[in-house]
Amino acid sequence: MNTIKSKATTALLLMGFLGALGVVGPALDIEDHGYEHEVAREELDKQQRQERFENAAREVCGENATYRLTHKHGEIICLTKRNHATGRIASIGETNAKSN
């Protein structure tokens, strides 16, 4: 009779432990994915900014032309396919382009 009582006690303790772990377990999840999500979000934003910049440069310089960055932030010089300057200097932050 003692063995049945000890088995029942062990089973009840095990069920109680598993129940407590089920309630408290999610709070014990120590892996924080917030940093990884933040890094991924920043990388996606960076890619989207680069795409917007390239689209704006393509719109200013033309579909088949390329561009070169100048020392000024957001300013480009349009180039032909053979890397000759077209004389067009544009500030991508603004919508107007000026010719030299």
Protein backbone atom coordinates (compact mmCIF):
# COMPACT_ATOMS: atom_id res chain seq x y z
CA MET A 1 0.00 0.00 0.00
CA ASN A 2 2.93 2.26 0.66
CA THR A 3 4.17 1.89 -2.91
CA ILE A 4 0.80 2.87 -4.35
CA LYS A 5 0.72 5.93 -2.11
CA SER A 6 4.25 6.94 -3.09
CA LYS A 7 3.50 6.45 -6.79
CA ALA A 8 0.36 8.55 -6.49
CA THR A 9 2.26 11.24 -4.61
CA THR A 10 5.01 11.20 -7.22
CA ALA A 11 2.45 11.44 -10.03
CA LEU A 12 0.65 14.33 -8.30
CA LEU A 13 3.93 16.17 -7.70
CA LEU A 14 4.97 15.63 -11.31
CA MET A 15 1.60 16.90 -12.59
CA GLY A 16 1.83 19.90 -10.27
CA PHE A 17 5.34 20.67 -11.46
CA LEU A 18 4.35 20.38 -15.12
CA GLY A 19 1.29 22.56 -14.51
CA ALA A 20 3.39 25.22 -12.80
CA LEU A 21 5.93 25.06 -15.60
CA GLY A 22 3.13 25.49 -18.13
CA VAL A 23 1.97 28.64 -16.35
CA VAL A 24 5.37 30.12 -15.56
CA GLY A 25 7.26 28.74 -18.58
CA PRO A 26 6.44 31.49 -21.09
CA ALA A 27 7.77 34.07 -18.64
CA LEU A 28 11.06 32.13 -18.49
CA ASP A 29 11.70 32.58 -22.22
CA ILE A 30 15.00 34.44 -21.94
CA GLU A 31 15.70 34.79 -25.67
CA ASP A 32 15.05 38.37 -26.65
CA HIS A 33 14.52 38.72 -30.39
CA GLY A 34 13.88 42.45 -30.15
CA TYR A 35 17.45 43.31 -31.12
CA GLU A 36 17.39 40.98 -34.14
CA HIS A 37 14.11 42.48 -35.32
CA GLU A 38 15.49 45.99 -34.86
CA VAL A 39 18.59 45.18 -36.91
CA ALA A 40 16.48 43.60 -39.65
CA ARG A 41 14.15 46.63 -39.69
CA GLU A 42 17.11 49.03 -39.96
CA GLU A 43 18.61 47.00 -42.81
CA LEU A 44 15.28 47.00 -44.66
CA ASP A 45 14.96 50.77 -44.20
CA LYS A 46 18.51 51.22 -45.51
CA GLN A 47 17.73 49.15 -48.61
CA GLN A 48 14.53 51.11 -49.24
CA ARG A 49 16.38 54.45 -48.93
CA GLN A 50 19.02 53.21 -51.41
CA GLU A 51 16.30 52.11 -53.86
CA ARG A 52 14.55 55.49 -53.60
CA PHE A 53 17.87 57.28 -54.19
CA GLU A 54 18.68 55.13 -57.23
CA ASN A 55 15.18 55.62 -58.67
CA ALA A 56 15.47 59.39 -58.24
CA ALA A 57 18.93 59.38 -59.86
CA ARG A 58 17.59 57.31 -62.76
CA GLU A 59 14.70 59.73 -63.17
CA VAL A 60 17.05 62.73 -63.28
CA CYS A 61 19.84 61.24 -65.39
CA GLY A 62 17.79 59.02 -67.69
CA GLU A 63 17.05 55.32 -67.86
CA ASN A 64 20.32 54.24 -69.53
CA ALA A 65 22.65 56.75 -67.90
CA THR A 66 24.61 56.25 -64.73
CA TYR A 67 25.74 58.67 -62.06
CA ARG A 68 28.62 59.45 -59.74
CA LEU A 69 28.31 60.89 -56.25
CA THR A 70 30.00 64.20 -55.54
CA HIS A 71 31.53 65.40 -52.29
CA LYS A 72 28.24 67.11 -51.38
CA HIS A 73 25.61 64.98 -49.67
CA GLY A 74 22.85 63.96 -52.08
CA GLU A 75 24.45 65.53 -55.16
CA ILE A 76 25.23 63.49 -58.26
CA ILE A 77 26.81 64.03 -61.67
CA CYS A 78 25.08 62.25 -64.53
CA LEU A 79 27.33 60.16 -66.78
CA THR A 80 26.95 58.50 -70.16
CA LYS A 81 27.47 54.78 -70.60
CA ARG A 82 31.16 55.47 -71.35
CA ASN A 83 31.53 57.44 -68.09
CA HIS A 84 31.66 60.87 -69.72
CA ALA A 85 29.98 63.61 -67.71
CA THR A 86 26.79 64.89 -69.33
CA GLY A 87 27.08 68.25 -67.59
CA ARG A 88 24.02 67.61 -65.49
CA ILE A 89 24.48 68.02 -61.75
CA ALA A 90 21.51 67.18 -59.59
CA SER A 91 20.67 67.30 -55.93
CA ILE A 92 18.58 64.23 -55.26
CA GLY A 93 17.06 65.75 -52.14
CA GLU A 94 15.52 68.41 -54.36
CA THR A 95 13.48 67.93 -57.52
CA ASN A 96 15.29 70.46 -59.70
CA ALA A 97 18.39 69.73 -61.75
CA LYS A 98 20.83 72.30 -63.02
CA SER A 99 23.00 72.08 -66.12
CA ASN A 100 26.55 73.40 -66.42
